[in-house]
Amino acid sequence: MNKASALHILVKTEPEALALAKKLDGGADFSQLAKRNSMCPSKKRGGDLGEFKRGAMVKPFDNAVFKKGSEDQSYIGPVKTRFGFHLIRVLYKS
């Protein structure tokens, strides 16, 4: 598995990420939450990062995305990086 596609929501604090995770657990739409809450420019696309290669993202993000079974979860996180806290939905890996 050397490529993946994912959506993410980036926020400053872990409590913010956990509050959004609760909303996701309650059935909230990932893309809508990304558009309203993410600090990343990808929020305009509902958090869509497109396809990227292993190693293209910061290590904690990369490790979470390429971890076995990540694509089978509704989302993963919060994942802490130097940018903040991410909630990630892996669309596919190949």
PDB file of N, CA and C in Angstrom:
ATOM      1  N   MET A   1       0.848  -1.186   0.000  1.00  0.00           N
ATOM      2  CA  MET A   1       0.000   0.000   0.000  1.00  0.00           C
ATOM      3  C   MET A   1       0.890   1.244   0.000  1.00  0.00           C
ATOM      4  N   ASN A   2       0.937   1.934  -1.113  1.00  0.00           N
ATOM      5  CA  ASN A   2       1.798   3.106  -1.208  1.00  0.00           C
ATOM      6  C   ASN A   2       1.051   4.396  -1.487  1.00  0.00           C
ATOM      7  N   LYS A   3      -0.276   4.290  -1.723  1.00  0.00           N
ATOM      8  CA  LYS A   3      -1.067   5.487  -1.991  1.00  0.00           C
ATOM      9  C   LYS A   3      -2.336   5.425  -1.159  1.00  0.00           C
ATOM     10  N   ALA A   4      -2.859   6.602  -0.849  1.00  0.00           N
ATOM     11  CA  ALA A   4      -4.120   6.669  -0.114  1.00  0.00           C
ATOM     12  C   ALA A   4      -4.856   7.938  -0.508  1.00  0.00           C
ATOM     13  N   SER A   5      -6.140   7.963  -0.207  1.00  0.00           N
ATOM     14  CA  SER A   5      -6.950   9.161  -0.346  1.00  0.00           C
ATOM     15  C   SER A   5      -7.702   9.328   0.966  1.00  0.00           C
ATOM     16  N   ALA A   6      -7.751  10.558   1.451  1.00  0.00           N
ATOM     17  CA  ALA A   6      -8.387  10.782   2.749  1.00  0.00           C
ATOM     18  C   ALA A   6      -8.995  12.173   2.841  1.00  0.00           C
ATOM     19  N   LEU A   7      -9.937  12.287   3.759  1.00  0.00           N
ATOM     20  CA  LEU A   7     -10.495  13.565   4.185  1.00  0.00           C
ATOM     21  C   LEU A   7      -9.968  13.808   5.586  1.00  0.00           C
ATOM     22  N   HIS A   8      -9.850  15.064   5.980  1.00  0.00           N
ATOM     23  CA  HIS A   8      -9.483  15.315   7.374  1.00  0.00           C
ATOM     24  C   HIS A   8     -10.081  16.615   7.873  1.00  0.00           C
ATOM     25  N   ILE A   9     -10.147  16.698   9.183  1.00  0.00           N
ATOM     26  CA  ILE A   9     -10.560  17.915   9.877  1.00  0.00           C
ATOM     27  C   ILE A   9      -9.391  18.264  10.794  1.00  0.00           C
ATOM     28  N   LEU A  10      -8.894  19.473  10.681  1.00  0.00           N
ATOM     29  CA  LEU A  10      -7.768  19.920  11.497  1.00  0.00           C
ATOM     30  C   LEU A  10      -8.236  21.027  12.441  1.00  0.00           C
ATOM     31  N   VAL A  11      -8.020  20.808  13.756  1.00  0.00           N
ATOM     32  CA  VAL A  11      -8.350  21.812  14.768  1.00  0.00           C
ATOM     33  C   VAL A  11      -7.146  22.017  15.683  1.00  0.00           C
ATOM     34  N   LYS A  12      -7.181  23.088  16.478  1.00  0.00           N
ATOM     35  CA  LYS A  12      -6.031  23.430  17.320  1.00  0.00           C
ATOM     36  C   LYS A  12      -5.873  22.542  18.537  1.00  0.00           C
ATOM     37  N   THR A  13      -6.996  22.143  19.162  1.00  0.00           N
ATOM     38  CA  THR A  13      -6.902  21.466  20.451  1.00  0.00           C
ATOM     39  C   THR A  13      -7.554  20.082  20.442  1.00  0.00           C
ATOM     40  N   GLU A  14      -7.075  19.246  21.342  1.00  0.00           N
ATOM     41  CA  GLU A  14      -7.664  17.911  21.464  1.00  0.00           C
ATOM     42  C   GLU A  14      -9.130  17.973  21.902  1.00  0.00           C
ATOM     43  N   PRO A  15      -9.502  18.846  22.862  1.00  0.00           N
ATOM     44  CA  PRO A  15     -10.931  18.928  23.218  1.00  0.00           C
ATOM     45  C   PRO A  15     -11.830  19.274  22.017  1.00  0.00           C
ATOM     46  N   GLU A  16     -11.358  20.161  21.137  1.00  0.00           N
ATOM     47  CA  GLU A  16     -12.122  20.481  19.917  1.00  0.00           C
ATOM     48  C   GLU A  16     -12.289  19.226  19.066  1.00  0.00           C
ATOM     49  N   ALA A  17     -11.198  18.483  18.892  1.00  0.00           N
ATOM     50  CA  ALA A  17     -11.240  17.263  18.080  1.00  0.00           C
ATOM     51  C   ALA A  17     -12.190  16.237  18.697  1.00  0.00           C
ATOM     52  N   LEU A  18     -12.140  16.091  20.013  1.00  0.00           N
ATOM     53  CA  LEU A  18     -13.013  15.122  20.686  1.00  0.00           C
ATOM     54  C   LEU A  18     -14.483  15.522  20.576  1.00  0.00           C
ATOM     55  N   ALA A  19     -14.767  16.822  20.631  1.00  0.00           N
ATOM     56  CA  ALA A  19     -16.144  17.303  20.470  1.00  0.00           C
ATOM     57  C   ALA A  19     -16.657  16.988  19.060  1.00  0.00           C
ATOM     58  N   LEU A  20     -15.803  17.173  18.062  1.00  0.00           N
ATOM     59  CA  LEU A  20     -16.190  16.850  16.685  1.00  0.00           C
ATOM     60  C   LEU A  20     -16.340  15.336  16.503  1.00  0.00           C
ATOM     61  N   ALA A  21     -15.483  14.570  17.158  1.00  0.00           N
ATOM     62  CA  ALA A  21     -15.582  13.104  17.088  1.00  0.00           C
ATOM     63  C   ALA A  21     -16.938  12.639  17.631  1.00  0.00           C
ATOM     64  N   LYS A  22     -17.394  13.285  18.695  1.00  0.00           N
ATOM     65  CA  LYS A  22     -18.722  12.946  19.254  1.00  0.00           C
ATOM     66  C   LYS A  22     -19.820  13.205  18.230  1.00  0.00           C
ATOM     67  N   LYS A  23     -19.694  14.315  17.511  1.00  0.00           N
ATOM     68  CA  LYS A  23     -20.679  14.640  16.472  1.00  0.00           C
ATOM     69  C   LYS A  23     -20.652  13.587  15.365  1.00  0.00           C
ATOM     70  N   LEU A  24     -19.447  13.157  14.981  1.00  0.00           N
ATOM     71  CA  LEU A  24     -19.328  12.113  13.960  1.00  0.00           C
ATOM     72  C   LEU A  24     -19.962  10.814  14.455  1.00  0.00           C
ATOM     73  N   ASP A  25     -19.704  10.483  15.718  1.00  0.00           N
ATOM     74  CA  ASP A  25     -20.284   9.271  16.304  1.00  0.00           C
ATOM     75  C   ASP A  25     -21.806   9.333  16.309  1.00  0.00           C
ATOM     76  N   GLY A  26     -22.340  10.558  16.378  1.00  0.00           N
ATOM     77  CA  GLY A  26     -23.787  10.751  16.373  1.00  0.00           C
ATOM     78  C   GLY A  26     -24.382  10.820  14.978  1.00  0.00           C
ATOM     79  N   GLY A  27     -23.535  10.634  13.957  1.00  0.00           N
ATOM     80  CA  GLY A  27     -24.039  10.589  12.587  1.00  0.00           C
ATOM     81  C   GLY A  27     -23.820  11.848  11.764  1.00  0.00           C
ATOM     82  N   ALA A  28     -23.072  12.818  12.292  1.00  0.00           N
ATOM     83  CA  ALA A  28     -22.816  14.054  11.539  1.00  0.00           C
ATOM     84  C   ALA A  28     -22.019  13.742  10.269  1.00  0.00           C
ATOM     85  N   ASP A  29     -22.202  14.570   9.265  1.00  0.00           N
ATOM     86  CA  ASP A  29     -21.517  14.411   7.980  1.00  0.00           C
ATOM     87  C   ASP A  29     -20.081  14.937   8.084  1.00  0.00           C
ATOM     88  N   PHE A  30     -19.120  14.084   7.754  1.00  0.00           N
ATOM     89  CA  PHE A  30     -17.697  14.427   7.877  1.00  0.00           C
ATOM     90  C   PHE A  30     -17.353  15.675   7.061  1.00  0.00           C
ATOM     91  N   SER A  31     -17.782  15.708   5.805  1.00  0.00           N
ATOM     92  CA  SER A  31     -17.435  16.827   4.919  1.00  0.00           C
ATOM     93  C   SER A  31     -18.012  18.144   5.429  1.00  0.00           C
ATOM     94  N   GLN A  32     -19.235  18.106   5.933  1.00  0.00           N
ATOM     95  CA  GLN A  32     -19.852  19.331   6.456  1.00  0.00           C
ATOM     96  C   GLN A  32     -19.107  19.834   7.696  1.00  0.00           C
ATOM     97  N   LEU A  33     -18.729  18.903   8.588  1.00  0.00           N
ATOM     98  CA  LEU A  33     -17.964  19.300   9.774  1.00  0.00           C
ATOM     99  C   LEU A  33     -16.620  19.895   9.367  1.00  0.00           C
ATOM    100  N   ALA A  34     -15.988  19.307   8.347  1.00  0.00           N
ATOM    101  CA  ALA A  34     -14.705  19.834   7.863  1.00  0.00           C
ATOM    102  C   ALA A  34     -14.886  21.253   7.333  1.00  0.00           C
ATOM    103  N   LYS A  35     -15.918  21.466   6.527  1.00  0.00           N
ATOM    104  CA  LYS A  35     -16.158  22.800   5.946  1.00  0.00           C
ATOM    105  C   LYS A  35     -16.354  23.844   7.038  1.00  0.00           C
ATOM    106  N   ARG A  36     -17.032  23.477   8.116  1.00  0.00           N
ATOM    107  CA  ARG A  36     -17.357  24.437   9.174  1.00  0.00           C
ATOM    108  C   ARG A  36     -16.252  24.607  10.219  1.00  0.00           C
ATOM    109  N   ASN A  37     -15.423  23.574  10.428  1.00  0.00           N
ATOM    110  CA  ASN A  37     -14.526  23.593  11.583  1.00  0.00           C
ATOM    111  C   ASN A  37     -13.033  23.489  11.297  1.00  0.00           C
ATOM    112  N   SER A  38     -12.652  22.973  10.149  1.00  0.00           N
ATOM    113  CA  SER A  38     -11.230  22.720   9.894  1.00  0.00           C
ATOM    114  C   SER A  38     -10.440  24.009   9.670  1.00  0.00           C
ATOM    115  N   MET A  39      -9.185  24.001  10.118  1.00  0.00           N
ATOM    116  CA  MET A  39      -8.277  25.134   9.881  1.00  0.00           C
ATOM    117  C   MET A  39      -7.505  24.963   8.574  1.00  0.00           C
ATOM    118  N   CYS A  40      -7.609  23.808   7.960  1.00  0.00           N
ATOM    119  CA  CYS A  40      -6.843  23.507   6.749  1.00  0.00           C
ATOM    120  C   CYS A  40      -7.538  24.089   5.516  1.00  0.00           C
ATOM    121  N   PRO A  41      -6.778  24.575   4.534  1.00  0.00           N
ATOM    122  CA  PRO A  41      -7.394  25.047   3.286  1.00  0.00           C
ATOM    123  C   PRO A  41      -8.250  23.978   2.599  1.00  0.00           C
ATOM    124  N   SER A  42      -7.993  22.698   2.883  1.00  0.00           N
ATOM    125  CA  SER A  42      -8.792  21.621   2.286  1.00  0.00           C
ATOM    126  C   SER A  42     -10.240  21.667   2.735  1.00  0.00           C
ATOM    127  N   LYS A  43     -10.563  22.504   3.735  1.00  0.00           N
ATOM    128  CA  LYS A  43     -11.938  22.567   4.222  1.00  0.00           C
ATOM    129  C   LYS A  43     -12.901  22.999   3.110  1.00  0.00           C
ATOM    130  N   LYS A  44     -12.402  23.773   2.151  1.00  0.00           N
ATOM    131  CA  LYS A  44     -13.244  24.190   1.018  1.00  0.00           C
ATOM    132  C   LYS A  44     -13.747  22.984   0.231  1.00  0.00           C
ATOM    133  N   ARG A  45     -12.985  21.886   0.277  1.00  0.00           N
ATOM    134  CA  ARG A  45     -13.353  20.649  -0.431  1.00  0.00           C
ATOM    135  C   ARG A  45     -13.882  19.599   0.560  1.00  0.00           C
ATOM    136  N   GLY A  46     -14.387  20.052   1.694  1.00  0.00           N
ATOM    137  CA  GLY A  46     -14.904  19.122   2.695  1.00  0.00           C
ATOM    138  C   GLY A  46     -13.806  18.312   3.355  1.00  0.00           C
ATOM    139  N   GLY A  47     -12.591  18.876   3.372  1.00  0.00           N
ATOM    140  CA  GLY A  47     -11.453  18.205   3.992  1.00  0.00           C
ATOM    141  C   GLY A  47     -10.727  17.238   3.076  1.00  0.00           C
ATOM    142  N   ASP A  48     -11.101  17.222   1.803  1.00  0.00           N
ATOM    143  CA  ASP A  48     -10.516  16.252   0.854  1.00  0.00           C
ATOM    144  C   ASP A  48      -9.064  16.604   0.533  1.00  0.00           C
ATOM    145  N   LEU A  49      -8.171  15.679   0.872  1.00  0.00           N
ATOM    146  CA  LEU A  49      -6.746  15.863   0.590  1.00  0.00           C
ATOM    147  C   LEU A  49      -6.338  15.250  -0.743  1.00  0.00           C
ATOM    148  N   GLY A  50      -7.277  14.566  -1.397  1.00  0.00           N
ATOM    149  CA  GLY A  50      -6.960  13.897  -2.650  1.00  0.00           C
ATOM    150  C   GLY A  50      -6.085  12.682  -2.400  1.00  0.00           C
ATOM    151  N   GLU A  51      -5.437  12.223  -3.465  1.00  0.00           N
ATOM    152  CA  GLU A  51      -4.568  11.046  -3.342  1.00  0.00           C
ATOM    153  C   GLU A  51      -3.150  11.502  -3.015  1.00  0.00           C
ATOM    154  N   PHE A  52      -2.512  10.784  -2.121  1.00  0.00           N
ATOM    155  CA  PHE A  52      -1.135  11.113  -1.754  1.00  0.00           C
ATOM    156  C   PHE A  52      -0.357   9.827  -1.530  1.00  0.00           C
ATOM    157  N   LYS A  53       0.961   9.949  -1.652  1.00  0.00           N
ATOM    158  CA  LYS A  53       1.844   8.791  -1.476  1.00  0.00           C
ATOM    159  C   LYS A  53       2.273   8.656  -0.029  1.00  0.00           C
ATOM    160  N   ARG A  54       2.592   7.418   0.355  1.00  0.00           N
ATOM    161  CA  ARG A  54       3.151   7.179   1.683  1.00  0.00           C
ATOM    162  C   ARG A  54       4.395   8.049   1.839  1.00  0.00           C
ATOM    163  N   GLY A  55       4.499   8.740   2.962  1.00  0.00           N
ATOM    164  CA  GLY A  55       5.641   9.609   3.216  1.00  0.00           C
ATOM    165  C   GLY A  55       5.411  11.060   2.837  1.00  0.00           C
ATOM    166  N   ALA A  56       4.293  11.359   2.165  1.00  0.00           N
ATOM    167  CA  ALA A  56       4.032  12.740   1.737  1.00  0.00           C
ATOM    168  C   ALA A  56       3.504  13.616   2.869  1.00  0.00           C
ATOM    169  N   MET A  57       2.896  12.993   3.861  1.00  0.00           N
ATOM    170  CA  MET A  57       2.320  13.733   4.992  1.00  0.00           C
ATOM    171  C   MET A  57       3.255  13.637   6.198  1.00  0.00           C
ATOM    172  N   VAL A  58       3.018  14.478   7.201  1.00  0.00           N
ATOM    173  CA  VAL A  58       3.831  14.392   8.418  1.00  0.00           C
ATOM    174  C   VAL A  58       3.663  13.002   9.033  1.00  0.00           C
ATOM    175  N   LYS A  59       4.702  12.531   9.712  1.00  0.00           N
ATOM    176  CA  LYS A  59       4.787  11.131  10.144  1.00  0.00           C
ATOM    177  C   LYS A  59       3.577  10.628  10.945  1.00  0.00           C
ATOM    178  N   PRO A  60       3.110  11.331  11.983  1.00  0.00           N
ATOM    179  CA  PRO A  60       1.970  10.783  12.736  1.00  0.00           C
ATOM    180  C   PRO A  60       0.717  10.606  11.870  1.00  0.00           C
ATOM    181  N   PHE A  61       0.491  11.559  10.954  1.00  0.00           N
ATOM    182  CA  PHE A  61      -0.650  11.487  10.040  1.00  0.00           C
ATOM    183  C   PHE A  61      -0.475  10.297   9.103  1.00  0.00           C
ATOM    184  N   ASP A  62       0.700  10.211   8.509  1.00  0.00           N
ATOM    185  CA  ASP A  62       1.041   9.130   7.584  1.00  0.00           C
ATOM    186  C   ASP A  62       0.867   7.757   8.257  1.00  0.00           C
ATOM    187  N   ASN A  63       1.402   7.632   9.460  1.00  0.00           N
ATOM    188  CA  ASN A  63       1.300   6.358  10.191  1.00  0.00           C
ATOM    189  C   ASN A  63      -0.152   5.971  10.427  1.00  0.00           C
ATOM    190  N   ALA A  64      -0.987   6.947  10.793  1.00  0.00           N
ATOM    191  CA  ALA A  64      -2.400   6.666  11.063  1.00  0.00           C
ATOM    192  C   ALA A  64      -3.127   6.220   9.793  1.00  0.00           C
ATOM    193  N   VAL A  65      -2.876   6.913   8.697  1.00  0.00           N
ATOM    194  CA  VAL A  65      -3.550   6.596   7.435  1.00  0.00           C
ATOM    195  C   VAL A  65      -3.146   5.211   6.922  1.00  0.00           C
ATOM    196  N   PHE A  66      -1.857   4.910   6.988  1.00  0.00           N
ATOM    197  CA  PHE A  66      -1.375   3.658   6.403  1.00  0.00           C
ATOM    198  C   PHE A  66      -1.390   2.479   7.384  1.00  0.00           C
ATOM    199  N   LYS A  67      -1.900   2.689   8.584  1.00  0.00           N
ATOM    200  CA  LYS A  67      -2.028   1.600   9.550  1.00  0.00           C
ATOM    201  C   LYS A  67      -3.054   0.579   9.032  1.00  0.00           C
ATOM    202  N   LYS A  68      -2.759  -0.681   9.256  1.00  0.00           N
ATOM    203  CA  LYS A  68      -3.649  -1.747   8.795  1.00  0.00           C
ATOM    204  C   LYS A  68      -5.054  -1.545   9.346  1.00  0.00           C
ATOM    205  N   GLY A  69      -6.061  -1.592   8.470  1.00  0.00           N
ATOM    206  CA  GLY A  69      -7.453  -1.490   8.878  1.00  0.00           C
ATOM    207  C   GLY A  69      -7.998  -0.076   8.975  1.00  0.00           C
ATOM    208  N   SER A  70      -7.152   0.945   8.749  1.00  0.00           N
ATOM    209  CA  SER A  70      -7.620   2.329   8.896  1.00  0.00           C
ATOM    210  C   SER A  70      -8.777   2.655   7.950  1.00  0.00           C
ATOM    211  N   GLU A  71      -8.772   2.029   6.775  1.00  0.00           N
ATOM    212  CA  GLU A  71      -9.830   2.306   5.792  1.00  0.00           C
ATOM    213  C   GLU A  71     -11.163   1.676   6.195  1.00  0.00           C
ATOM    214  N   ASP A  72     -11.144   0.770   7.170  1.00  0.00           N
ATOM    215  CA  ASP A  72     -12.370   0.101   7.609  1.00  0.00           C
ATOM    216  C   ASP A  72     -13.085   0.864   8.722  1.00  0.00           C
ATOM    217  N   GLN A  73     -12.457   1.904   9.254  1.00  0.00           N
ATOM    218  CA  GLN A  73     -13.056   2.685  10.335  1.00  0.00           C
ATOM    219  C   GLN A  73     -13.769   3.905   9.753  1.00  0.00           C
ATOM    220  N   SER A  74     -14.822   4.347  10.437  1.00  0.00           N
ATOM    221  CA  SER A  74     -15.552   5.520   9.933  1.00  0.00           C
ATOM    222  C   SER A  74     -14.664   6.768   9.972  1.00  0.00           C
ATOM    223  N   TYR A  75     -13.780   6.827  10.953  1.00  0.00           N
ATOM    224  CA  TYR A  75     -12.745   7.866  11.006  1.00  0.00           C
ATOM    225  C   TYR A  75     -11.695   7.414  12.019  1.00  0.00           C
ATOM    226  N   ILE A  76     -10.532   8.058  11.969  1.00  0.00           N
ATOM    227  CA  ILE A  76      -9.489   7.777  12.958  1.00  0.00           C
ATOM    228  C   ILE A  76      -9.059   9.091  13.592  1.00  0.00           C
ATOM    229  N   GLY A  77      -8.639   9.015  14.831  1.00  0.00           N
ATOM    230  CA  GLY A  77      -8.166  10.200  15.514  1.00  0.00           C
ATOM    231  C   GLY A  77      -8.893  10.429  16.820  1.00  0.00           C
ATOM    232  N   PRO A  78      -8.501  11.492  17.502  1.00  0.00           N
ATOM    233  CA  PRO A  78      -7.597  12.548  17.063  1.00  0.00           C
ATOM    234  C   PRO A  78      -6.143  12.078  16.929  1.00  0.00           C
ATOM    235  N   VAL A  79      -5.499  12.572  15.885  1.00  0.00           N
ATOM    236  CA  VAL A  79      -4.091  12.312  15.626  1.00  0.00           C
ATOM    237  C   VAL A  79      -3.361  13.648  15.783  1.00  0.00           C
ATOM    238  N   LYS A  80      -2.394  13.683  16.693  1.00  0.00           N
ATOM    239  CA  LYS A  80      -1.661  14.928  16.967  1.00  0.00           C
ATOM    240  C   LYS A  80      -0.461  15.054  16.027  1.00  0.00           C
ATOM    241  N   THR A  81      -0.361  16.222  15.384  1.00  0.00           N
ATOM    242  CA  THR A  81       0.822  16.562  14.585  1.00  0.00           C
ATOM    243  C   THR A  81       1.250  17.976  14.991  1.00  0.00           C
ATOM    244  N   ARG A  82       2.310  18.460  14.384  1.00  0.00           N
ATOM    245  CA  ARG A  82       2.762  19.825  14.700  1.00  0.00           C
ATOM    246  C   ARG A  82       1.740  20.873  14.250  1.00  0.00           C
ATOM    247  N   PHE A  83       0.787  20.485  13.410  1.00  0.00           N
ATOM    248  CA  PHE A  83      -0.234  21.417  12.918  1.00  0.00           C
ATOM    249  C   PHE A  83      -1.441  21.510  13.842  1.00  0.00           C
ATOM    250  N   GLY A  84      -1.637  20.500  14.673  1.00  0.00           N
ATOM    251  CA  GLY A  84      -2.804  20.457  15.550  1.00  0.00           C
ATOM    252  C   GLY A  84      -3.312  19.028  15.670  1.00  0.00           C
ATOM    253  N   PHE A  85      -4.630  18.897  15.778  1.00  0.00           N
ATOM    254  CA  PHE A  85      -5.248  17.580  15.943  1.00  0.00           C
ATOM    255  C   PHE A  85      -6.144  17.288  14.752  1.00  0.00           C
ATOM    256  N   HIS A  86      -5.973  16.097  14.188  1.00  0.00           N
ATOM    257  CA  HIS A  86      -6.699  15.697  12.991  1.00  0.00           C
ATOM    258  C   HIS A  86      -7.698  14.586  13.303  1.00  0.00           C
ATOM    259  N   LEU A  87      -8.847  14.667  12.660  1.00  0.00           N
ATOM    260  CA  LEU A  87      -9.749  13.524  12.523  1.00  0.00           C
ATOM    261  C   LEU A  87      -9.648  13.162  11.049  1.00  0.00           C
ATOM    262  N   ILE A  88      -9.468  11.902  10.763  1.00  0.00           N
ATOM    263  CA  ILE A  88      -9.165  11.467   9.394  1.00  0.00           C
ATOM    264  C   ILE A  88     -10.135  10.383   8.956  1.00  0.00           C
ATOM    265  N   ARG A  89     -10.677  10.536   7.755  1.00  0.00           N
ATOM    266  CA  ARG A  89     -11.457   9.462   7.135  1.00  0.00           C
ATOM    267  C   ARG A  89     -10.666   8.977   5.922  1.00  0.00           C
ATOM    268  N   VAL A  90     -10.220   7.741   5.989  1.00  0.00           N
ATOM    269  CA  VAL A  90      -9.476   7.147   4.883  1.00  0.00           C
ATOM    270  C   VAL A  90     -10.486   6.628   3.860  1.00  0.00           C
ATOM    271  N   LEU A  91     -10.405   7.144   2.635  1.00  0.00           N
ATOM    272  CA  LEU A  91     -11.335   6.720   1.587  1.00  0.00           C
ATOM    273  C   LEU A  91     -10.893   5.427   0.936  1.00  0.00           C
ATOM    274  N   TYR A  92      -9.599   5.340   0.629  1.00  0.00           N
ATOM    275  CA  TYR A  92      -9.047   4.096   0.085  1.00  0.00           C
ATOM    276  C   TYR A  92      -7.532   4.109   0.213  1.00  0.00           C
ATOM    277  N   LYS A  93      -6.979   2.922   0.113  1.00  0.00           N
ATOM    278  CA  LYS A  93      -5.516   2.747   0.052  1.00  0.00           C
ATOM    279  C   LYS A  93      -5.242   1.765  -1.082  1.00  0.00           C
ATOM    280  N   SER A  94      -4.135   1.963  -1.761  1.00  0.00           N
ATOM    281  CA  SER A  94      -3.755   1.009  -2.831  1.00  0.00           C
ATOM    282  C   SER A  94      -2.245   0.888  -2.906  1.00  0.00           C
TER     283      SER A  94
END
